[in-house]
Amino acid sequence: MKRLITEFIHDQYKNNKLKGYINGSTVSVDLTGFTVMTEKLMKQVVGGAEILSDIINSVFNRAVSTVYLNGGYVTSINGFGKYRCYL
């Protein structure tokens, strides 16, 4: 199931804590040339978009899992390659 809000925010809301502060770090990742690469794969290879999706998911799933394993959370994912992570 896809998380729409973090467990931290959910827990705060359940405890009627509707505002506050948190210290942390952020990570922003962007794939340069992603659109061009996608277009070339889709034109030249049957199932190119699916192949690219599998590759990107295998790379970023490890990063996202690491964020969660260290008590962090991902607040947004835009397209395939842009995650906003907080540790």
N, C-alpha and C. Protein backbone atom coordinates (compact mmCIF):
# COMPACT_ATOMS: atom_id res chain seq x y z
N MET A 1 0.84 -1.17 0.00
CA MET A 1 0.00 0.00 0.00
C MET A 1 0.89 1.24 0.00
N LYS A 2 0.51 2.23 -0.79
CA LYS A 2 1.28 3.46 -0.86
C LYS A 2 0.93 4.36 0.33
N ARG A 3 1.96 4.91 0.94
CA ARG A 3 1.75 5.81 2.08
C ARG A 3 1.41 7.20 1.57
N LEU A 4 0.30 7.74 2.02
CA LEU A 4 -0.08 9.09 1.62
C LEU A 4 0.47 10.13 2.59
N ILE A 5 0.61 9.74 3.85
CA ILE A 5 1.26 10.59 4.85
C ILE A 5 2.20 9.70 5.65
N THR A 6 3.16 10.33 6.28
CA THR A 6 4.12 9.53 7.06
C THR A 6 3.47 9.05 8.35
N GLU A 7 4.04 7.98 8.89
CA GLU A 7 3.57 7.46 10.18
C GLU A 7 3.72 8.52 11.26
N PHE A 8 4.81 9.28 11.20
CA PHE A 8 5.04 10.36 12.17
C PHE A 8 3.89 11.36 12.16
N ILE A 9 3.51 11.82 10.97
CA ILE A 9 2.42 12.80 10.87
C ILE A 9 1.11 12.17 11.33
N HIS A 10 0.87 10.93 10.95
CA HIS A 10 -0.34 10.24 11.38
C HIS A 10 -0.43 10.16 12.90
N ASP A 11 0.68 9.76 13.53
CA ASP A 11 0.71 9.65 14.99
C ASP A 11 0.49 11.00 15.66
N GLN A 12 1.12 12.04 15.12
CA GLN A 12 0.94 13.38 15.68
C GLN A 12 -0.52 13.81 15.58
N TYR A 13 -1.14 13.56 14.44
CA TYR A 13 -2.54 13.93 14.24
C TYR A 13 -3.45 13.17 15.20
N LYS A 14 -3.19 11.86 15.36
CA LYS A 14 -3.99 11.06 16.30
C LYS A 14 -3.91 11.61 17.72
N ASN A 15 -2.75 12.20 18.07
CA ASN A 15 -2.56 12.77 19.40
C ASN A 15 -2.93 14.25 19.46
N ASN A 16 -3.65 14.72 18.43
CA ASN A 16 -4.14 16.10 18.34
C ASN A 16 -3.00 17.13 18.33
N LYS A 17 -1.83 16.74 17.87
CA LYS A 17 -0.71 17.67 17.71
C LYS A 17 -0.73 18.13 16.25
N LEU A 18 -1.31 19.29 16.02
CA LEU A 18 -1.56 19.74 14.66
C LEU A 18 -0.49 20.68 14.12
N LYS A 19 0.51 21.00 14.94
CA LYS A 19 1.63 21.79 14.45
C LYS A 19 2.85 21.50 15.30
N GLY A 20 4.01 21.87 14.78
CA GLY A 20 5.24 21.62 15.52
C GLY A 20 6.44 21.71 14.61
N TYR A 21 7.55 21.27 15.11
CA TYR A 21 8.82 21.34 14.39
C TYR A 21 9.53 20.00 14.47
N ILE A 22 10.36 19.76 13.49
CA ILE A 22 11.17 18.55 13.48
C ILE A 22 12.53 18.90 12.87
N ASN A 23 13.58 18.41 13.47
CA ASN A 23 14.92 18.58 12.92
C ASN A 23 15.21 17.43 11.97
N GLY A 24 15.89 17.73 10.91
CA GLY A 24 16.22 16.66 9.98
C GLY A 24 17.04 17.15 8.82
N SER A 25 17.31 16.24 7.94
CA SER A 25 18.04 16.52 6.71
C SER A 25 17.16 16.16 5.53
N THR A 26 17.41 16.80 4.41
CA THR A 26 16.63 16.47 3.21
C THR A 26 17.56 16.00 2.10
N VAL A 27 16.99 15.20 1.23
CA VAL A 27 17.71 14.72 0.05
C VAL A 27 16.78 14.93 -1.14
N SER A 28 17.32 15.50 -2.18
CA SER A 28 16.56 15.66 -3.42
C SER A 28 17.38 15.03 -4.54
N VAL A 29 16.73 14.16 -5.32
CA VAL A 29 17.42 13.44 -6.37
C VAL A 29 16.72 13.72 -7.70
N ASP A 30 17.52 14.00 -8.73
CA ASP A 30 16.97 14.24 -10.06
C ASP A 30 17.81 13.49 -11.07
N LEU A 31 17.17 12.88 -12.04
CA LEU A 31 17.89 12.16 -13.08
C LEU A 31 18.01 13.05 -14.31
N THR A 32 19.21 13.48 -14.61
CA THR A 32 19.45 14.29 -15.79
C THR A 32 19.32 13.43 -17.03
N GLY A 33 18.61 13.94 -18.02
CA GLY A 33 18.45 13.21 -19.28
C GLY A 33 17.42 12.12 -19.25
N PHE A 34 16.61 12.08 -18.22
CA PHE A 34 15.62 11.01 -18.06
C PHE A 34 14.61 11.00 -19.20
N THR A 35 14.10 12.16 -19.58
CA THR A 35 13.08 12.23 -20.63
C THR A 35 13.65 11.76 -21.97
N VAL A 36 14.85 12.22 -22.31
CA VAL A 36 15.50 11.80 -23.56
C VAL A 36 15.73 10.30 -23.56
N MET A 37 16.23 9.77 -22.45
CA MET A 37 16.49 8.34 -22.34
C MET A 37 15.19 7.55 -22.50
N THR A 38 14.12 8.02 -21.89
CA THR A 38 12.82 7.34 -21.99
C THR A 38 12.33 7.32 -23.43
N GLU A 39 12.41 8.47 -24.09
CA GLU A 39 11.95 8.56 -25.48
C GLU A 39 12.73 7.61 -26.39
N LYS A 40 14.05 7.55 -26.22
CA LYS A 40 14.87 6.66 -27.05
C LYS A 40 14.53 5.19 -26.79
N LEU A 41 14.38 4.83 -25.54
CA LEU A 41 14.03 3.44 -25.22
C LEU A 41 12.67 3.07 -25.79
N MET A 42 11.71 3.98 -25.70
CA MET A 42 10.36 3.69 -26.19
C MET A 42 10.34 3.54 -27.71
N LYS A 43 11.22 4.25 -28.42
CA LYS A 43 11.27 4.17 -29.88
C LYS A 43 12.07 2.96 -30.35
N GLN A 44 13.11 2.59 -29.64
CA GLN A 44 14.06 1.60 -30.14
C GLN A 44 13.88 0.20 -29.55
N VAL A 45 13.20 0.08 -28.42
CA VAL A 45 13.10 -1.21 -27.75
C VAL A 45 11.65 -1.48 -27.38
N VAL A 46 11.15 -2.67 -27.75
CA VAL A 46 9.81 -3.05 -27.33
C VAL A 46 9.82 -3.20 -25.81
N GLY A 47 8.89 -2.54 -25.14
CA GLY A 47 8.85 -2.58 -23.69
C GLY A 47 9.91 -1.71 -23.04
N GLY A 48 10.43 -0.72 -23.79
CA GLY A 48 11.51 0.14 -23.28
C GLY A 48 11.15 0.89 -22.02
N ALA A 49 9.92 1.41 -21.95
CA ALA A 49 9.49 2.16 -20.77
C ALA A 49 9.47 1.26 -19.54
N GLU A 50 9.02 0.03 -19.73
CA GLU A 50 8.97 -0.92 -18.61
C GLU A 50 10.38 -1.30 -18.14
N ILE A 51 11.28 -1.45 -19.11
CA ILE A 51 12.68 -1.75 -18.77
C ILE A 51 13.27 -0.61 -17.94
N LEU A 52 13.05 0.62 -18.40
CA LEU A 52 13.56 1.79 -17.68
C LEU A 52 12.95 1.88 -16.29
N SER A 53 11.66 1.63 -16.20
CA SER A 53 10.98 1.67 -14.90
C SER A 53 11.58 0.65 -13.94
N ASP A 54 11.85 -0.55 -14.43
CA ASP A 54 12.45 -1.58 -13.58
C ASP A 54 13.83 -1.17 -13.08
N ILE A 55 14.62 -0.58 -13.98
CA ILE A 55 15.97 -0.14 -13.60
C ILE A 55 15.89 0.94 -12.53
N ILE A 56 15.06 1.94 -12.77
CA ILE A 56 14.95 3.06 -11.84
C ILE A 56 14.41 2.60 -10.49
N ASN A 57 13.41 1.74 -10.52
CA ASN A 57 12.87 1.23 -9.25
C ASN A 57 13.91 0.44 -8.48
N SER A 58 14.73 -0.34 -9.18
CA SER A 58 15.75 -1.12 -8.46
C SER A 58 16.78 -0.20 -7.81
N VAL A 59 17.09 0.91 -8.44
CA VAL A 59 18.04 1.86 -7.87
C VAL A 59 17.41 2.61 -6.69
N PHE A 60 16.24 3.19 -6.89
CA PHE A 60 15.65 4.03 -5.86
C PHE A 60 14.99 3.27 -4.73
N ASN A 61 14.53 2.05 -4.98
CA ASN A 61 13.95 1.27 -3.89
C ASN A 61 14.97 1.02 -2.79
N ARG A 62 16.22 0.81 -3.17
CA ARG A 62 17.28 0.61 -2.18
C ARG A 62 17.47 1.88 -1.35
N ALA A 63 17.49 3.03 -2.03
CA ALA A 63 17.67 4.30 -1.31
C ALA A 63 16.49 4.58 -0.38
N VAL A 64 15.29 4.37 -0.88
CA VAL A 64 14.10 4.62 -0.06
C VAL A 64 14.06 3.66 1.13
N SER A 65 14.39 2.40 0.89
CA SER A 65 14.43 1.43 2.00
C SER A 65 15.44 1.85 3.07
N THR A 66 16.58 2.36 2.64
CA THR A 66 17.60 2.83 3.57
C THR A 66 17.09 3.99 4.40
N VAL A 67 16.36 4.90 3.78
CA VAL A 67 15.78 6.03 4.50
C VAL A 67 14.85 5.50 5.61
N TYR A 68 13.94 4.59 5.25
CA TYR A 68 13.01 4.05 6.24
C TYR A 68 13.72 3.26 7.34
N LEU A 69 14.74 2.48 6.96
CA LEU A 69 15.47 1.69 7.96
C LEU A 69 16.19 2.57 8.98
N ASN A 70 16.48 3.80 8.60
CA ASN A 70 17.16 4.72 9.50
C ASN A 70 16.21 5.69 10.19
N GLY A 71 14.92 5.38 10.19
CA GLY A 71 13.93 6.18 10.89
C GLY A 71 13.48 7.42 10.13
N GLY A 72 13.83 7.51 8.88
CA GLY A 72 13.41 8.66 8.07
C GLY A 72 12.14 8.34 7.31
N TYR A 73 11.74 9.26 6.46
CA TYR A 73 10.56 9.03 5.63
C TYR A 73 10.65 9.83 4.34
N VAL A 74 9.92 9.36 3.37
CA VAL A 74 9.88 10.01 2.06
C VAL A 74 8.56 10.76 1.98
N THR A 75 8.65 12.06 1.70
CA THR A 75 7.43 12.86 1.67
C THR A 75 6.85 13.03 0.28
N SER A 76 7.67 12.89 -0.75
CA SER A 76 7.11 13.02 -2.10
C SER A 76 7.96 12.30 -3.11
N ILE A 77 7.28 11.79 -4.12
CA ILE A 77 7.94 11.15 -5.25
C ILE A 77 7.30 11.74 -6.49
N ASN A 78 8.11 12.36 -7.33
CA ASN A 78 7.60 12.99 -8.55
C ASN A 78 8.16 12.24 -9.74
N GLY A 79 7.29 11.68 -10.55
CA GLY A 79 7.77 10.90 -11.68
C GLY A 79 8.48 9.68 -11.16
N PHE A 80 9.45 9.21 -11.90
CA PHE A 80 10.23 8.05 -11.46
C PHE A 80 11.36 8.45 -10.55
N GLY A 81 11.99 9.61 -10.80
CA GLY A 81 13.30 9.81 -10.24
C GLY A 81 13.47 10.89 -9.22
N LYS A 82 12.42 11.50 -8.70
CA LYS A 82 12.64 12.57 -7.75
C LYS A 82 11.96 12.23 -6.44
N TYR A 83 12.75 11.97 -5.44
CA TYR A 83 12.26 11.64 -4.11
C TYR A 83 12.65 12.77 -3.17
N ARG A 84 11.81 13.09 -2.23
CA ARG A 84 12.19 14.00 -1.17
C ARG A 84 12.19 13.20 0.11
N CYS A 85 13.36 13.02 0.69
CA CYS A 85 13.53 12.16 1.84
C CYS A 85 13.96 12.97 3.06
N TYR A 86 13.52 12.56 4.22
CA TYR A 86 13.91 13.21 5.47
C TYR A 86 14.47 12.16 6.40
N LEU A 87 15.66 12.43 6.95
CA LEU A 87 16.28 11.53 7.94
C LEU A 87 16.39 12.24 9.26
